[in-house]
């Protein structure tokens, strides 16, 4: 069993070996919403006990790790911005500062859209 995160879903992929082709064959057996990663009854019926256990193990480790990293990033973003401000103030204009500034502006605009959508800006 393999799990692939695509946008807002987790794809559950069964890998079987094909003797005629002498290689693995990947088949998507279903998807689960990334925001609420729970297996539906229909999907559980398609899966073996080992696959269900593998999905639960993946959720307990990989998915949880990503969710915690996102939370830490959000909670420490203001501190990181203060440090970045000091770095930009100290550095001379270079290709690194220009490309980094453009990247930050792009992501800031995207984050600001989320703030507006969630009603976090006054």
PDB file of N, CA and C in Angstrom:
ATOM      1  N   UNK A   1       0.853  -1.170   0.000  1.00  0.00           N
ATOM      2  CA  UNK A   1       0.000   0.000   0.000  1.00  0.00           C
ATOM      3  C   UNK A   1       0.896   1.228   0.000  1.00  0.00           C
ATOM      4  N   UNK A   2       0.528   2.172  -0.825  1.00  0.00           N
ATOM      5  CA  UNK A   2       1.267   3.433  -0.963  1.00  0.00           C
ATOM      6  C   UNK A   2       0.252   4.566  -0.852  1.00  0.00           C
ATOM      7  N   UNK A   3       0.687   5.680  -0.287  1.00  0.00           N
ATOM      8  CA  UNK A   3      -0.206   6.821  -0.107  1.00  0.00           C
ATOM      9  C   UNK A   3       0.409   8.022  -0.796  1.00  0.00           C
ATOM     10  N   UNK A   4      -0.412   8.690  -1.602  1.00  0.00           N
ATOM     11  CA  UNK A   4       0.053   9.850  -2.360  1.00  0.00           C
ATOM     12  C   UNK A   4      -0.861  11.030  -2.054  1.00  0.00           C
ATOM     13  N   UNK A   5      -0.270  12.131  -1.598  1.00  0.00           N
ATOM     14  CA  UNK A   5      -1.048  13.327  -1.301  1.00  0.00           C
ATOM     15  C   UNK A   5      -1.142  14.157  -2.566  1.00  0.00           C
ATOM     16  N   UNK A   6      -2.372  14.452  -2.968  1.00  0.00           N
ATOM     17  CA  UNK A   6      -2.645  15.270  -4.148  1.00  0.00           C
ATOM     18  C   UNK A   6      -3.649  16.345  -3.755  1.00  0.00           C
ATOM     19  N   UNK A   7      -3.209  17.594  -3.778  1.00  0.00           N
ATOM     20  CA  UNK A   7      -4.059  18.734  -3.410  1.00  0.00           C
ATOM     21  C   UNK A   7      -4.791  18.472  -2.114  1.00  0.00           C
ATOM     22  N   UNK A   8      -6.085  18.186  -2.178  1.00  0.00           N
ATOM     23  CA  UNK A   8      -6.906  18.055  -0.976  1.00  0.00           C
ATOM     24  C   UNK A   8      -7.268  16.612  -0.636  1.00  0.00           C
ATOM     25  N   UNK A   9      -6.629  15.648  -1.291  1.00  0.00           N
ATOM     26  CA  UNK A   9      -6.957  14.244  -1.042  1.00  0.00           C
ATOM     27  C   UNK A   9      -5.693  13.398  -0.862  1.00  0.00           C
ATOM     28  N   UNK A  10      -5.911  12.249  -0.245  1.00  0.00           N
ATOM     29  CA  UNK A  10      -4.873  11.230  -0.132  1.00  0.00           C
ATOM     30  C   UNK A  10      -5.318  10.081  -1.022  1.00  0.00           C
ATOM     31  N   UNK A  11      -4.475   9.710  -1.972  1.00  0.00           N
ATOM     32  CA  UNK A  11      -4.791   8.576  -2.831  1.00  0.00           C
ATOM     33  C   UNK A  11      -4.238   7.310  -2.170  1.00  0.00           C
ATOM     34  N   UNK A  12      -5.061   6.277  -2.108  1.00  0.00           N
ATOM     35  CA  UNK A  12      -4.647   4.993  -1.577  1.00  0.00           C
ATOM     36  C   UNK A  12      -4.333   4.086  -2.766  1.00  0.00           C
ATOM     37  N   UNK A  13      -3.095   3.666  -2.854  1.00  0.00           N
ATOM     38  CA  UNK A  13      -2.620   2.949  -4.033  1.00  0.00           C
ATOM     39  C   UNK A  13      -2.165   1.547  -3.638  1.00  0.00           C
ATOM     40  N   UNK A  14      -2.758   0.575  -4.281  1.00  0.00           N
ATOM     41  CA  UNK A  14      -2.366  -0.821  -4.074  1.00  0.00           C
ATOM     42  C   UNK A  14      -1.334  -1.181  -5.137  1.00  0.00           C
ATOM     43  N   UNK A  15      -0.268  -1.805  -4.697  1.00  0.00           N
ATOM     44  CA  UNK A  15       0.793  -2.208  -5.613  1.00  0.00           C
ATOM     45  C   UNK A  15       0.786  -3.727  -5.697  1.00  0.00           C
ATOM     46  N   UNK A  16       0.589  -4.234  -6.910  1.00  0.00           N
ATOM     47  CA  UNK A  16       0.627  -5.678  -7.133  1.00  0.00           C
ATOM     48  C   UNK A  16       1.673  -5.972  -8.191  1.00  0.00           C
ATOM     49  N   UNK A  17       2.292  -7.120  -8.065  1.00  0.00           N
ATOM     50  CA  UNK A  17       3.326  -7.504  -9.022  1.00  0.00           C
ATOM     51  C   UNK A  17       2.699  -8.221 -10.200  1.00  0.00           C
ATOM     52  N   UNK A  18       3.025  -7.763 -11.408  1.00  0.00           N
ATOM     53  CA  UNK A  18       2.520  -8.362 -12.638  1.00  0.00           C
ATOM     54  C   UNK A  18       3.626  -9.232 -13.226  1.00  0.00           C
ATOM     55  N   UNK A  19       3.421 -10.559 -13.173  1.00  0.00           N
ATOM     56  CA  UNK A  19       4.423 -11.514 -13.664  1.00  0.00           C
ATOM     57  C   UNK A  19       4.720 -11.333 -15.146  1.00  0.00           C
ATOM     58  N   UNK A  20       3.677 -11.010 -15.935  1.00  0.00           N
ATOM     59  CA  UNK A  20       3.880 -10.902 -17.374  1.00  0.00           C
ATOM     60  C   UNK A  20       4.740  -9.700 -17.731  1.00  0.00           C
ATOM     61  N   UNK A  21       4.583  -8.622 -17.006  1.00  0.00           N
ATOM     62  CA  UNK A  21       5.354  -7.412 -17.278  1.00  0.00           C
ATOM     63  C   UNK A  21       6.637  -7.342 -16.462  1.00  0.00           C
ATOM     64  N   UNK A  22       6.735  -8.220 -15.462  1.00  0.00           N
ATOM     65  CA  UNK A  22       7.905  -8.253 -14.571  1.00  0.00           C
ATOM     66  C   UNK A  22       8.108  -6.926 -13.830  1.00  0.00           C
ATOM     67  N   UNK A  23       6.995  -6.299 -13.429  1.00  0.00           N
ATOM     68  CA  UNK A  23       7.087  -5.062 -12.658  1.00  0.00           C
ATOM     69  C   UNK A  23       5.795  -4.860 -11.875  1.00  0.00           C
ATOM     70  N   UNK A  24       5.834  -3.891 -10.977  1.00  0.00           N
ATOM     71  CA  UNK A  24       4.677  -3.602 -10.155  1.00  0.00           C
ATOM     72  C   UNK A  24       3.596  -2.868 -10.920  1.00  0.00           C
ATOM     73  N   UNK A  25       2.367  -3.084 -10.494  1.00  0.00           N
ATOM     74  CA  UNK A  25       1.221  -2.435 -11.105  1.00  0.00           C
ATOM     75  C   UNK A  25       0.523  -1.627 -10.008  1.00  0.00           C
ATOM     76  N   UNK A  26       0.431  -0.309 -10.201  1.00  0.00           N
ATOM     77  CA  UNK A  26      -0.204   0.568  -9.220  1.00  0.00           C
ATOM     78  C   UNK A  26      -1.663   0.795  -9.589  1.00  0.00           C
ATOM     79  N   UNK A  27      -2.546   0.576  -8.615  1.00  0.00           N
ATOM     80  CA  UNK A  27      -3.973   0.779  -8.824  1.00  0.00           C
ATOM     81  C   UNK A  27      -4.503   1.636  -7.677  1.00  0.00           C
ATOM     82  N   UNK A  28      -5.113   2.767  -8.026  1.00  0.00           N
ATOM     83  CA  UNK A  28      -5.717   3.629  -7.005  1.00  0.00           C
ATOM     84  C   UNK A  28      -7.031   2.975  -6.587  1.00  0.00           C
ATOM     85  N   UNK A  29      -7.110   2.605  -5.310  1.00  0.00           N
ATOM     86  CA  UNK A  29      -8.327   1.940  -4.845  1.00  0.00           C
ATOM     87  C   UNK A  29      -9.314   2.908  -4.203  1.00  0.00           C
ATOM     88  N   UNK A  30      -8.855   4.144  -3.987  1.00  0.00           N
ATOM     89  CA  UNK A  30      -9.761   5.149  -3.453  1.00  0.00           C
ATOM     90  C   UNK A  30      -9.026   6.387  -2.988  1.00  0.00           C
ATOM     91  N   UNK A  31      -9.802   7.388  -2.586  1.00  0.00           N
ATOM     92  CA  UNK A  31      -9.228   8.621  -2.062  1.00  0.00           C
ATOM     93  C   UNK A  31      -9.918   8.976  -0.746  1.00  0.00           C
ATOM     94  N   UNK A  32      -9.185   9.729   0.070  1.00  0.00           N
ATOM     95  CA  UNK A  32      -9.682  10.188   1.363  1.00  0.00           C
ATOM     96  C   UNK A  32      -9.394  11.679   1.442  1.00  0.00           C
ATOM     97  N   UNK A  33     -10.335  12.452   1.975  1.00  0.00           N
ATOM     98  CA  UNK A  33     -10.105  13.888   2.117  1.00  0.00           C
ATOM     99  C   UNK A  33      -8.935  14.123   3.064  1.00  0.00           C
ATOM    100  N   UNK A  34      -8.055  15.018   2.681  1.00  0.00           N
ATOM    101  CA  UNK A  34      -6.895  15.336   3.499  1.00  0.00           C
ATOM    102  C   UNK A  34      -7.311  16.044   4.787  1.00  0.00           C
ATOM    103  N   UNK A  35      -8.362  16.843   4.734  1.00  0.00           N
ATOM    104  CA  UNK A  35      -8.803  17.585   5.914  1.00  0.00           C
ATOM    105  C   UNK A  35      -9.417  16.677   6.980  1.00  0.00           C
ATOM    106  N   UNK A  36     -10.080  15.605   6.553  1.00  0.00           N
ATOM    107  CA  UNK A  36     -10.654  14.618   7.475  1.00  0.00           C
ATOM    108  C   UNK A  36     -10.307  13.220   6.974  1.00  0.00           C
ATOM    109  N   UNK A  37      -9.102  12.770   7.265  1.00  0.00           N
ATOM    110  CA  UNK A  37      -8.624  11.497   6.705  1.00  0.00           C
ATOM    111  C   UNK A  37      -9.216  10.273   7.417  1.00  0.00           C
ATOM    112  N   UNK A  38     -10.438   9.923   7.040  1.00  0.00           N
ATOM    113  CA  UNK A  38     -11.109   8.754   7.609  1.00  0.00           C
ATOM    114  C   UNK A  38     -11.559   7.847   6.481  1.00  0.00           C
ATOM    115  N   UNK A  39     -11.388   6.549   6.681  1.00  0.00           N
ATOM    116  CA  UNK A  39     -11.791   5.575   5.669  1.00  0.00           C
ATOM    117  C   UNK A  39     -13.296   5.354   5.730  1.00  0.00           C
ATOM    118  N   UNK A  40     -13.955   5.462   4.583  1.00  0.00           N
ATOM    119  CA  UNK A  40     -15.390   5.174   4.517  1.00  0.00           C
ATOM    120  C   UNK A  40     -15.587   3.657   4.594  1.00  0.00           C
ATOM    121  N   UNK A  41     -16.814   3.253   4.878  1.00  0.00           N
ATOM    122  CA  UNK A  41     -17.115   1.810   4.943  1.00  0.00           C
ATOM    123  C   UNK A  41     -16.852   1.139   3.602  1.00  0.00           C
ATOM    124  N   UNK A  42     -17.255   1.809   2.512  1.00  0.00           N
ATOM    125  CA  UNK A  42     -17.044   1.247   1.172  1.00  0.00           C
ATOM    126  C   UNK A  42     -15.561   1.035   0.894  1.00  0.00           C
ATOM    127  N   UNK A  43     -14.764   2.015   1.270  1.00  0.00           N
ATOM    128  CA  UNK A  43     -13.333   1.919   1.032  1.00  0.00           C
ATOM    129  C   UNK A  43     -12.717   0.829   1.904  1.00  0.00           C
ATOM    130  N   UNK A  44     -13.174   0.701   3.143  1.00  0.00           N
ATOM    131  CA  UNK A  44     -12.655  -0.340   4.024  1.00  0.00           C
ATOM    132  C   UNK A  44     -12.950  -1.733   3.478  1.00  0.00           C
ATOM    133  N   UNK A  45     -14.094  -1.873   2.808  1.00  0.00           N
ATOM    134  CA  UNK A  45     -14.461  -3.173   2.223  1.00  0.00           C
ATOM    135  C   UNK A  45     -13.513  -3.550   1.088  1.00  0.00           C
ATOM    136  N   UNK A  46     -12.969  -2.547   0.389  1.00  0.00           N
ATOM    137  CA  UNK A  46     -12.045  -2.797  -0.721  1.00  0.00           C
ATOM    138  C   UNK A  46     -10.635  -3.131  -0.243  1.00  0.00           C
ATOM    139  N   UNK A  47     -10.356  -2.809   1.030  1.00  0.00           N
ATOM    140  CA  UNK A  47      -9.002  -2.935   1.545  1.00  0.00           C
ATOM    141  C   UNK A  47      -8.851  -4.177   2.427  1.00  0.00           C
ATOM    142  N   UNK A  48      -7.615  -4.687   2.473  1.00  0.00           N
ATOM    143  CA  UNK A  48      -7.319  -5.789   3.382  1.00  0.00           C
ATOM    144  C   UNK A  48      -7.037  -5.210   4.767  1.00  0.00           C
ATOM    145  N   UNK A  49      -7.010  -6.079   5.759  1.00  0.00           N
ATOM    146  CA  UNK A  49      -6.696  -5.635   7.124  1.00  0.00           C
ATOM    147  C   UNK A  49      -5.303  -5.012   7.182  1.00  0.00           C
ATOM    148  N   UNK A  50      -4.363  -5.585   6.437  1.00  0.00           N
ATOM    149  CA  UNK A  50      -2.993  -5.056   6.415  1.00  0.00           C
ATOM    150  C   UNK A  50      -2.962  -3.658   5.801  1.00  0.00           C
ATOM    151  N   UNK A  51      -3.775  -3.435   4.762  1.00  0.00           N
ATOM    152  CA  UNK A  51      -3.823  -2.124   4.124  1.00  0.00           C
ATOM    153  C   UNK A  51      -4.457  -1.083   5.039  1.00  0.00           C
ATOM    154  N   UNK A  52      -5.495  -1.482   5.748  1.00  0.00           N
ATOM    155  CA  UNK A  52      -6.131  -0.566   6.706  1.00  0.00           C
ATOM    156  C   UNK A  52      -5.147  -0.209   7.806  1.00  0.00           C
ATOM    157  N   UNK A  53      -4.420  -1.208   8.285  1.00  0.00           N
ATOM    158  CA  UNK A  53      -3.414  -0.982   9.318  1.00  0.00           C
ATOM    159  C   UNK A  53      -2.294  -0.078   8.805  1.00  0.00           C
ATOM    160  N   UNK A  54      -1.887  -0.271   7.557  1.00  0.00           N
ATOM    161  CA  UNK A  54      -0.837   0.567   6.957  1.00  0.00           C
ATOM    162  C   UNK A  54      -1.303   2.015   6.840  1.00  0.00           C
ATOM    163  N   UNK A  55      -2.567   2.205   6.469  1.00  0.00           N
ATOM    164  CA  UNK A  55      -3.102   3.561   6.372  1.00  0.00           C
ATOM    165  C   UNK A  55      -3.128   4.220   7.746  1.00  0.00           C
ATOM    166  N   UNK A  56      -3.565   3.492   8.762  1.00  0.00           N
ATOM    167  CA  UNK A  56      -3.602   4.041  10.110  1.00  0.00           C
ATOM    168  C   UNK A  56      -2.197   4.387  10.591  1.00  0.00           C
ATOM    169  N   UNK A  57      -1.239   3.530  10.270  1.00  0.00           N
ATOM    170  CA  UNK A  57       0.161   3.815  10.624  1.00  0.00           C
ATOM    171  C   UNK A  57       0.677   5.056   9.925  1.00  0.00           C
ATOM    172  N   UNK A  58       0.327   5.202   8.659  1.00  0.00           N
ATOM    173  CA  UNK A  58       0.732   6.397   7.906  1.00  0.00           C
ATOM    174  C   UNK A  58       0.113   7.644   8.520  1.00  0.00           C
ATOM    175  N   UNK A  59      -1.170   7.555   8.888  1.00  0.00           N
ATOM    176  CA  UNK A  59      -1.841   8.695   9.516  1.00  0.00           C
ATOM    177  C   UNK A  59      -1.175   9.074  10.830  1.00  0.00           C
ATOM    178  N   UNK A  60      -0.854   8.069  11.631  1.00  0.00           N
ATOM    179  CA  UNK A  60      -0.265   8.310  12.948  1.00  0.00           C
ATOM    180  C   UNK A  60       1.133   8.904  12.868  1.00  0.00           C
ATOM    181  N   UNK A  61       1.814   8.710  11.765  1.00  0.00           N
ATOM    182  CA  UNK A  61       3.192   9.214  11.653  1.00  0.00           C
ATOM    183  C   UNK A  61       3.304  10.343  10.632  1.00  0.00           C
ATOM    184  N   UNK A  62       3.237  10.017   9.374  1.00  0.00           N
ATOM    185  CA  UNK A  62       3.496  10.991   8.312  1.00  0.00           C
ATOM    186  C   UNK A  62       2.495  12.140   8.308  1.00  0.00           C
ATOM    187  N   UNK A  63       1.229  11.835   8.289  1.00  0.00           N
ATOM    188  CA  UNK A  63       0.206  12.879   8.219  1.00  0.00           C
ATOM    189  C   UNK A  63       0.256  13.756   9.465  1.00  0.00           C
ATOM    190  N   UNK A  64       0.385  13.140  10.614  1.00  0.00           N
ATOM    191  CA  UNK A  64       0.448  13.898  11.867  1.00  0.00           C
ATOM    192  C   UNK A  64       1.674  14.791  11.899  1.00  0.00           C
ATOM    193  N   UNK A  65       2.792  14.304  11.387  1.00  0.00           N
ATOM    194  CA  UNK A  65       4.020  15.106  11.337  1.00  0.00           C
ATOM    195  C   UNK A  65       3.817  16.358  10.498  1.00  0.00           C
ATOM    196  N   UNK A  66       3.190  16.212   9.347  1.00  0.00           N
ATOM    197  CA  UNK A  66       2.934  17.356   8.474  1.00  0.00           C
ATOM    198  C   UNK A  66       2.013  18.355   9.167  1.00  0.00           C
ATOM    199  N   UNK A  67       0.967  17.858   9.810  1.00  0.00           N
ATOM    200  CA  UNK A  67       0.030  18.743  10.492  1.00  0.00           C
ATOM    201  C   UNK A  67       0.730  19.512  11.623  1.00  0.00           C
ATOM    202  N   UNK A  68       1.596  18.852  12.362  1.00  0.00           N
ATOM    203  CA  UNK A  68       2.335  19.518  13.438  1.00  0.00           C
ATOM    204  C   UNK A  68       3.312  20.549  12.889  1.00  0.00           C
ATOM    205  N   UNK A  69       3.985  20.219  11.779  1.00  0.00           N
ATOM    206  CA  UNK A  69       4.909  21.175  11.160  1.00  0.00           C
ATOM    207  C   UNK A  69       4.169  22.422  10.697  1.00  0.00           C
ATOM    208  N   UNK A  70       2.968  22.238  10.134  1.00  0.00           N
ATOM    209  CA  UNK A  70       2.165  23.390   9.711  1.00  0.00           C
ATOM    210  C   UNK A  70       1.791  24.255  10.901  1.00  0.00           C
ATOM    211  N   UNK A  71       1.403  23.622  12.001  1.00  0.00           N
ATOM    212  CA  UNK A  71       1.026  24.376  13.198  1.00  0.00           C
ATOM    213  C   UNK A  71       2.215  25.152  13.752  1.00  0.00           C
ATOM    214  N   UNK A  72       3.362  24.504  13.831  1.00  0.00           N
ATOM    215  CA  UNK A  72       4.562  25.180  14.336  1.00  0.00           C
ATOM    216  C   UNK A  72       4.934  26.342  13.422  1.00  0.00           C
ATOM    217  N   UNK A  73       4.828  26.132  12.114  1.00  0.00           N
ATOM    218  CA  UNK A  73       5.144  27.206  11.170  1.00  0.00           C
ATOM    219  C   UNK A  73       4.222  28.404  11.379  1.00  0.00           C
ATOM    220  N   UNK A  74       2.939  28.156  11.570  1.00  0.00           N
ATOM    221  CA  UNK A  74       1.989  29.251  11.777  1.00  0.00           C
ATOM    222  C   UNK A  74       2.270  29.972  13.090  1.00  0.00           C
ATOM    223  N   UNK A  75       2.549  29.214  14.140  1.00  0.00           N
ATOM    224  CA  UNK A  75       2.751  29.822  15.454  1.00  0.00           C
ATOM    225  C   UNK A  75       4.072  30.579  15.571  1.00  0.00           C
ATOM    226  N   UNK A  76       5.037  30.239  14.722  1.00  0.00           N
ATOM    227  CA  UNK A  76       6.345  30.904  14.790  1.00  0.00           C
ATOM    228  C   UNK A  76       6.593  31.848  13.619  1.00  0.00           C
ATOM    229  N   UNK A  77       5.595  32.030  12.760  1.00  0.00           N
ATOM    230  CA  UNK A  77       5.776  32.852  11.565  1.00  0.00           C
ATOM    231  C   UNK A  77       6.148  34.293  11.901  1.00  0.00           C
ATOM    232  N   UNK A  78       5.511  34.881  12.891  1.00  0.00           N
ATOM    233  CA  UNK A  78       5.817  36.276  13.247  1.00  0.00           C
ATOM    234  C   UNK A  78       7.277  36.413  13.668  1.00  0.00           C
ATOM    235  N   UNK A  79       7.781  35.473  14.461  1.00  0.00           N
ATOM    236  CA  UNK A  79       9.197  35.509  14.866  1.00  0.00           C
ATOM    237  C   UNK A  79      10.119  35.363  13.661  1.00  0.00           C
ATOM    238  N   UNK A  80       9.771  34.459  12.754  1.00  0.00           N
ATOM    239  CA  UNK A  80      10.583  34.257  11.557  1.00  0.00           C
ATOM    240  C   UNK A  80      10.599  35.514  10.691  1.00  0.00           C
ATOM    241  N   UNK A  81       9.470  36.219  10.642  1.00  0.00           N
ATOM    242  CA  UNK A  81       9.406  37.451   9.853  1.00  0.00           C
ATOM    243  C   UNK A  81      10.308  38.532  10.454  1.00  0.00           C
ATOM    244  N   UNK A  82      10.383  38.603  11.780  1.00  0.00           N
ATOM    245  CA  UNK A  82      11.274  39.568  12.436  1.00  0.00           C
ATOM    246  C   UNK A  82      12.728  39.263  12.072  1.00  0.00           C
ATOM    247  N   UNK A  83      13.091  37.994  12.111  1.00  0.00           N
ATOM    248  CA  UNK A  83      14.453  37.602  11.750  1.00  0.00           C
ATOM    249  C   UNK A  83      14.736  37.879  10.275  1.00  0.00           C
ATOM    250  N   UNK A  84      13.757  37.614   9.415  1.00  0.00           N
ATOM    251  CA  UNK A  84      13.927  37.874   7.986  1.00  0.00           C
ATOM    252  C   UNK A  84      14.105  39.359   7.723  1.00  0.00           C
ATOM    253  N   UNK A  85      13.364  40.173   8.457  1.00  0.00           N
ATOM    254  CA  UNK A  85      13.494  41.629   8.308  1.00  0.00           C
ATOM    255  C   UNK A  85      14.921  42.066   8.623  1.00  0.00           C
ATOM    256  N   UNK A  86      15.510  41.517   9.660  1.00  0.00           N
ATOM    257  CA  UNK A  86      16.892  41.846  10.024  1.00  0.00           C
ATOM    258  C   UNK A  86      17.864  41.408   8.925  1.00  0.00           C
ATOM    259  N   UNK A  87      17.617  40.223   8.358  1.00  0.00           N
ATOM    260  CA  UNK A  87      18.497  39.719   7.304  1.00  0.00           C
ATOM    261  C   UNK A  87      18.426  40.608   6.067  1.00  0.00           C
ATOM    262  N   UNK A  88      17.203  40.964   5.645  1.00  0.00           N
ATOM    263  CA  UNK A  88      17.051  41.825   4.472  1.00  0.00           C
ATOM    264  C   UNK A  88      17.679  43.196   4.714  1.00  0.00           C
ATOM    265  N   UNK A  89      17.567  43.710   5.921  1.00  0.00           N
ATOM    266  CA  UNK A  89      18.143  45.007   6.261  1.00  0.00           C
ATOM    267  C   UNK A  89      19.673  44.956   6.214  1.00  0.00           C
ATOM    268  N   UNK A  90      20.235  43.842   6.622  1.00  0.00           N
ATOM    269  CA  UNK A  90      21.683  43.672   6.688  1.00  0.00           C
ATOM    270  C   UNK A  90      22.317  43.354   5.332  1.00  0.00           C
ATOM    271  N   UNK A  91      21.617  42.610   4.500  1.00  0.00           N
ATOM    272  CA  UNK A  91      22.166  42.140   3.224  1.00  0.00           C
ATOM    273  C   UNK A  91      22.145  43.233   2.163  1.00  0.00           C
ATOM    274  N   UNK A  92      23.134  43.185   1.312  1.00  0.00           N
ATOM    275  CA  UNK A  92      23.134  44.065   0.140  1.00  0.00           C
ATOM    276  C   UNK A  92      22.204  43.468  -0.913  1.00  0.00           C
ATOM    277  N   UNK A  93      21.844  44.295  -1.868  1.00  0.00           N
ATOM    278  CA  UNK A  93      20.989  43.774  -2.933  1.00  0.00           C
ATOM    279  C   UNK A  93      21.773  42.728  -3.718  1.00  0.00           C
ATOM    280  N   UNK A  94      21.157  41.573  -3.851  1.00  0.00           N
ATOM    281  CA  UNK A  94      21.774  40.476  -4.597  1.00  0.00           C
ATOM    282  C   UNK A  94      20.667  39.671  -5.265  1.00  0.00           C
ATOM    283  N   UNK A  95      21.075  38.706  -6.048  1.00  0.00           N
ATOM    284  CA  UNK A  95      20.061  37.859  -6.692  1.00  0.00           C
ATOM    285  C   UNK A  95      19.309  37.057  -5.633  1.00  0.00           C
ATOM    286  N   UNK A  96      19.992  36.690  -4.547  1.00  0.00           N
ATOM    287  CA  UNK A  96      19.334  35.931  -3.477  1.00  0.00           C
ATOM    288  C   UNK A  96      18.267  36.774  -2.787  1.00  0.00           C
ATOM    289  N   UNK A  97      18.578  38.030  -2.488  1.00  0.00           N
ATOM    290  CA  UNK A  97      17.586  38.864  -1.805  1.00  0.00           C
ATOM    291  C   UNK A  97      16.399  39.164  -2.720  1.00  0.00           C
ATOM    292  N   UNK A  98      16.673  39.403  -3.994  1.00  0.00           N
ATOM    293  CA  UNK A  98      15.581  39.697  -4.936  1.00  0.00           C
ATOM    294  C   UNK A  98      14.666  38.485  -5.125  1.00  0.00           C
ATOM    295  N   UNK A  99      15.239  37.314  -5.344  1.00  0.00           N
ATOM    296  CA  UNK A  99      14.398  36.130  -5.569  1.00  0.00           C
ATOM    297  C   UNK A  99      13.662  35.727  -4.303  1.00  0.00           C
ATOM    298  N   UNK A 100      14.322  35.876  -3.165  1.00  0.00           N
ATOM    299  CA  UNK A 100      13.670  35.553  -1.902  1.00  0.00           C
ATOM    300  C   UNK A 100      12.520  36.511  -1.621  1.00  0.00           C
ATOM    301  N   UNK A 101      12.739  37.787  -1.884  1.00  0.00           N
ATOM    302  CA  UNK A 101      11.683  38.787  -1.679  1.00  0.00           C
ATOM    303  C   UNK A 101      10.477  38.484  -2.565  1.00  0.00           C
ATOM    304  N   UNK A 102      10.720  38.132  -3.816  1.00  0.00           N
ATOM    305  CA  UNK A 102       9.611  37.812  -4.728  1.00  0.00           C
ATOM    306  C   UNK A 102       8.840  36.589  -4.239  1.00  0.00           C
ATOM    307  N   UNK A 103       9.558  35.591  -3.772  1.00  0.00           N
ATOM    308  CA  UNK A 103       8.930  34.378  -3.255  1.00  0.00           C
ATOM    309  C   UNK A 103       8.076  34.689  -2.022  1.00  0.00           C
ATOM    310  N   UNK A 104       8.622  35.510  -1.135  1.00  0.00           N
ATOM    311  CA  UNK A 104       7.890  35.891   0.077  1.00  0.00           C
ATOM    312  C   UNK A 104       6.638  36.676  -0.281  1.00  0.00           C
ATOM    313  N   UNK A 105       6.746  37.609  -1.204  1.00  0.00           N
ATOM    314  CA  UNK A 105       5.581  38.411  -1.605  1.00  0.00           C
ATOM    315  C   UNK A 105       4.484  37.516  -2.179  1.00  0.00           C
ATOM    316  N   UNK A 106       4.868  36.570  -3.029  1.00  0.00           N
ATOM    317  CA  UNK A 106       3.885  35.656  -3.619  1.00  0.00           C
ATOM    318  C   UNK A 106       3.158  34.878  -2.523  1.00  0.00           C
ATOM    319  N   UNK A 107       3.920  34.312  -1.590  1.00  0.00           N
ATOM    320  CA  UNK A 107       3.318  33.507  -0.533  1.00  0.00           C
ATOM    321  C   UNK A 107       2.553  34.366   0.476  1.00  0.00           C
ATOM    322  N   UNK A 108       3.022  35.583   0.708  1.00  0.00           N
ATOM    323  CA  UNK A 108       2.297  36.476   1.598  1.00  0.00           C
ATOM    324  C   UNK A 108       0.922  36.810   1.011  1.00  0.00           C
ATOM    325  N   UNK A 109       0.866  37.052  -0.297  1.00  0.00           N
ATOM    326  CA  UNK A 109      -0.417  37.360  -0.933  1.00  0.00           C
ATOM    327  C   UNK A 109      -1.372  36.172  -0.821  1.00  0.00           C
ATOM    328  N   UNK A 110      -0.838  34.983  -0.981  1.00  0.00           N
ATOM    329  CA  UNK A 110      -1.649  33.779  -0.850  1.00  0.00           C
ATOM    330  C   UNK A 110      -2.146  33.612   0.590  1.00  0.00           C
ATOM    331  N   UNK A 111      -1.271  33.849   1.554  1.00  0.00           N
ATOM    332  CA  UNK A 111      -1.651  33.754   2.966  1.00  0.00           C
ATOM    333  C   UNK A 111      -2.687  34.819   3.317  1.00  0.00           C
ATOM    334  N   UNK A 112      -2.521  35.999   2.759  1.00  0.00           N
ATOM    335  CA  UNK A 112      -3.463  37.087   3.025  1.00  0.00           C
ATOM    336  C   UNK A 112      -4.865  36.730   2.510  1.00  0.00           C
ATOM    337  N   UNK A 113      -4.930  36.054   1.371  1.00  0.00           N
ATOM    338  CA  UNK A 113      -6.230  35.604   0.844  1.00  0.00           C
ATOM    339  C   UNK A 113      -6.906  34.645   1.823  1.00  0.00           C
ATOM    340  N   UNK A 114      -6.123  33.774   2.442  1.00  0.00           N
ATOM    341  CA  UNK A 114      -6.679  32.850   3.431  1.00  0.00           C
ATOM    342  C   UNK A 114      -7.182  33.626   4.638  1.00  0.00           C
ATOM    343  N   UNK A 115      -6.408  34.621   5.077  1.00  0.00           N
ATOM    344  CA  UNK A 115      -6.837  35.464   6.206  1.00  0.00           C
ATOM    345  C   UNK A 115      -8.175  36.141   5.905  1.00  0.00           C
ATOM    346  N   UNK A 116      -8.300  36.683   4.704  1.00  0.00           N
ATOM    347  CA  UNK A 116      -9.544  37.361   4.322  1.00  0.00           C
ATOM    348  C   UNK A 116     -10.694  36.365   4.277  1.00  0.00           C
ATOM    349  N   UNK A 117     -10.460  35.221   3.659  1.00  0.00           N
ATOM    350  CA  UNK A 117     -11.490  34.192   3.526  1.00  0.00           C
ATOM    351  C   UNK A 117     -11.976  33.708   4.893  1.00  0.00           C
ATOM    352  N   UNK A 118     -11.057  33.600   5.854  1.00  0.00           N
ATOM    353  CA  UNK A 118     -11.403  33.100   7.193  1.00  0.00           C
ATOM    354  C   UNK A 118     -11.849  34.215   8.138  1.00  0.00           C
ATOM    355  N   UNK A 119     -11.859  35.459   7.652  1.00  0.00           N
ATOM    356  CA  UNK A 119     -12.296  36.580   8.469  1.00  0.00           C
ATOM    357  C   UNK A 119     -11.293  36.965   9.547  1.00  0.00           C
ATOM    358  N   UNK A 120     -10.012  36.753   9.299  1.00  0.00           N
ATOM    359  CA  UNK A 120      -8.976  37.055  10.284  1.00  0.00           C
ATOM    360  C   UNK A 120      -8.413  38.460  10.151  1.00  0.00           C
ATOM    361  N   UNK A 121      -8.777  39.176   9.088  1.00  0.00           N
ATOM    362  CA  UNK A 121      -8.339  40.555   8.929  1.00  0.00           C
ATOM    363  C   UNK A 121      -9.517  41.473   9.216  1.00  0.00           C
ATOM    364  N   UNK A 122      -9.214  42.593   9.802  1.00  0.00           N
ATOM    365  CA  UNK A 122     -10.285  43.550  10.120  1.00  0.00           C
ATOM    366  C   UNK A 122     -10.571  44.452   8.938  1.00  0.00           C
TER     367      UNK A 122
END
